[in-house]
Amino acid sequence: MKNDYKYDSFGNLDADYYVEKAYELRRAYYAAAFKKIKASVKAFFANLTANRSMKSAPQH
């Protein structure tokens, strides 16, 4: 089995490195989630205004 763990200068598992990697992954996840939420909200309001303009048209 290949050992891909990162160790500090004392031979201990480098916890600070892995904590920082976790923060990095969390930031990337939140950025993607907020980007998706923003697109969904924007699409919702675009659809809402498009439907309103159709309803306000005079009916003959």
Protein backbone atom coordinates (compact mmCIF):
# COMPACT_ATOMS: atom_id res chain seq x y z
CA MET A 1 0.00 0.00 0.00
CA LYS A 2 1.36 3.41 -0.98
CA ASN A 3 1.65 5.93 1.84
CA ASP A 4 0.60 9.34 0.49
CA TYR A 5 0.26 11.06 3.85
CA LYS A 6 2.07 14.32 4.56
CA TYR A 7 4.22 14.43 7.67
CA ASP A 8 5.76 17.36 9.54
CA SER A 9 9.43 17.73 10.42
CA PHE A 10 8.96 15.62 13.58
CA GLY A 11 7.52 12.67 11.69
CA ASN A 12 3.96 13.30 12.88
CA LEU A 13 1.00 13.53 10.57
CA ASP A 14 0.80 17.15 9.41
CA ALA A 15 -2.60 18.11 10.83
CA ASP A 16 -2.26 21.77 9.87
CA TYR A 17 -1.83 20.80 6.23
CA TYR A 18 -4.95 18.65 6.25
CA VAL A 19 -6.99 21.25 8.12
CA GLU A 20 -6.03 23.83 5.49
CA LYS A 21 -6.95 21.36 2.71
CA ALA A 22 -10.34 20.87 4.39
CA TYR A 23 -10.88 24.65 4.47
CA GLU A 24 -9.92 24.86 0.80
CA LEU A 25 -12.39 22.13 -0.15
CA ARG A 26 -15.11 23.76 1.94
CA ARG A 27 -14.54 27.13 0.26
CA ALA A 28 -14.76 25.53 -3.17
CA TYR A 29 -17.97 23.70 -2.21
CA TYR A 30 -19.61 26.85 -0.82
CA ALA A 31 -18.57 28.86 -3.88
CA ALA A 32 -20.18 26.30 -6.19
CA ALA A 33 -23.30 26.06 -4.02
CA PHE A 34 -23.80 29.83 -3.88
CA LYS A 35 -23.21 30.12 -7.60
CA LYS A 36 -25.92 27.54 -8.20
CA ILE A 37 -28.29 29.25 -5.74
CA LYS A 38 -27.69 32.61 -7.42
CA ALA A 39 -28.49 31.13 -10.84
CA SER A 40 -31.65 29.48 -9.48
CA VAL A 41 -32.92 32.68 -7.85
CA LYS A 42 -32.11 34.69 -10.96
CA ALA A 43 -33.96 32.18 -13.15
CA PHE A 44 -36.92 32.18 -10.75
CA PHE A 45 -37.33 35.95 -10.89
CA ALA A 46 -36.73 36.05 -14.65
CA ASN A 47 -39.47 33.46 -15.08
CA LEU A 48 -41.73 35.34 -12.67
CA THR A 49 -41.38 38.63 -14.55
CA ALA A 50 -41.82 36.89 -17.91
CA ASN A 51 -45.08 35.35 -16.72
CA ARG A 52 -46.32 38.68 -15.37
CA SER A 53 -45.75 40.51 -18.61
CA MET A 54 -47.80 37.85 -20.41
CA LYS A 55 -50.69 38.20 -17.95
CA SER A 56 -50.77 41.98 -18.18
CA ALA A 57 -51.25 41.93 -21.96
CA PRO A 58 -54.75 43.03 -22.97
CA GLN A 59 -57.13 40.20 -23.74
CA HIS A 60 -59.42 40.55 -26.79
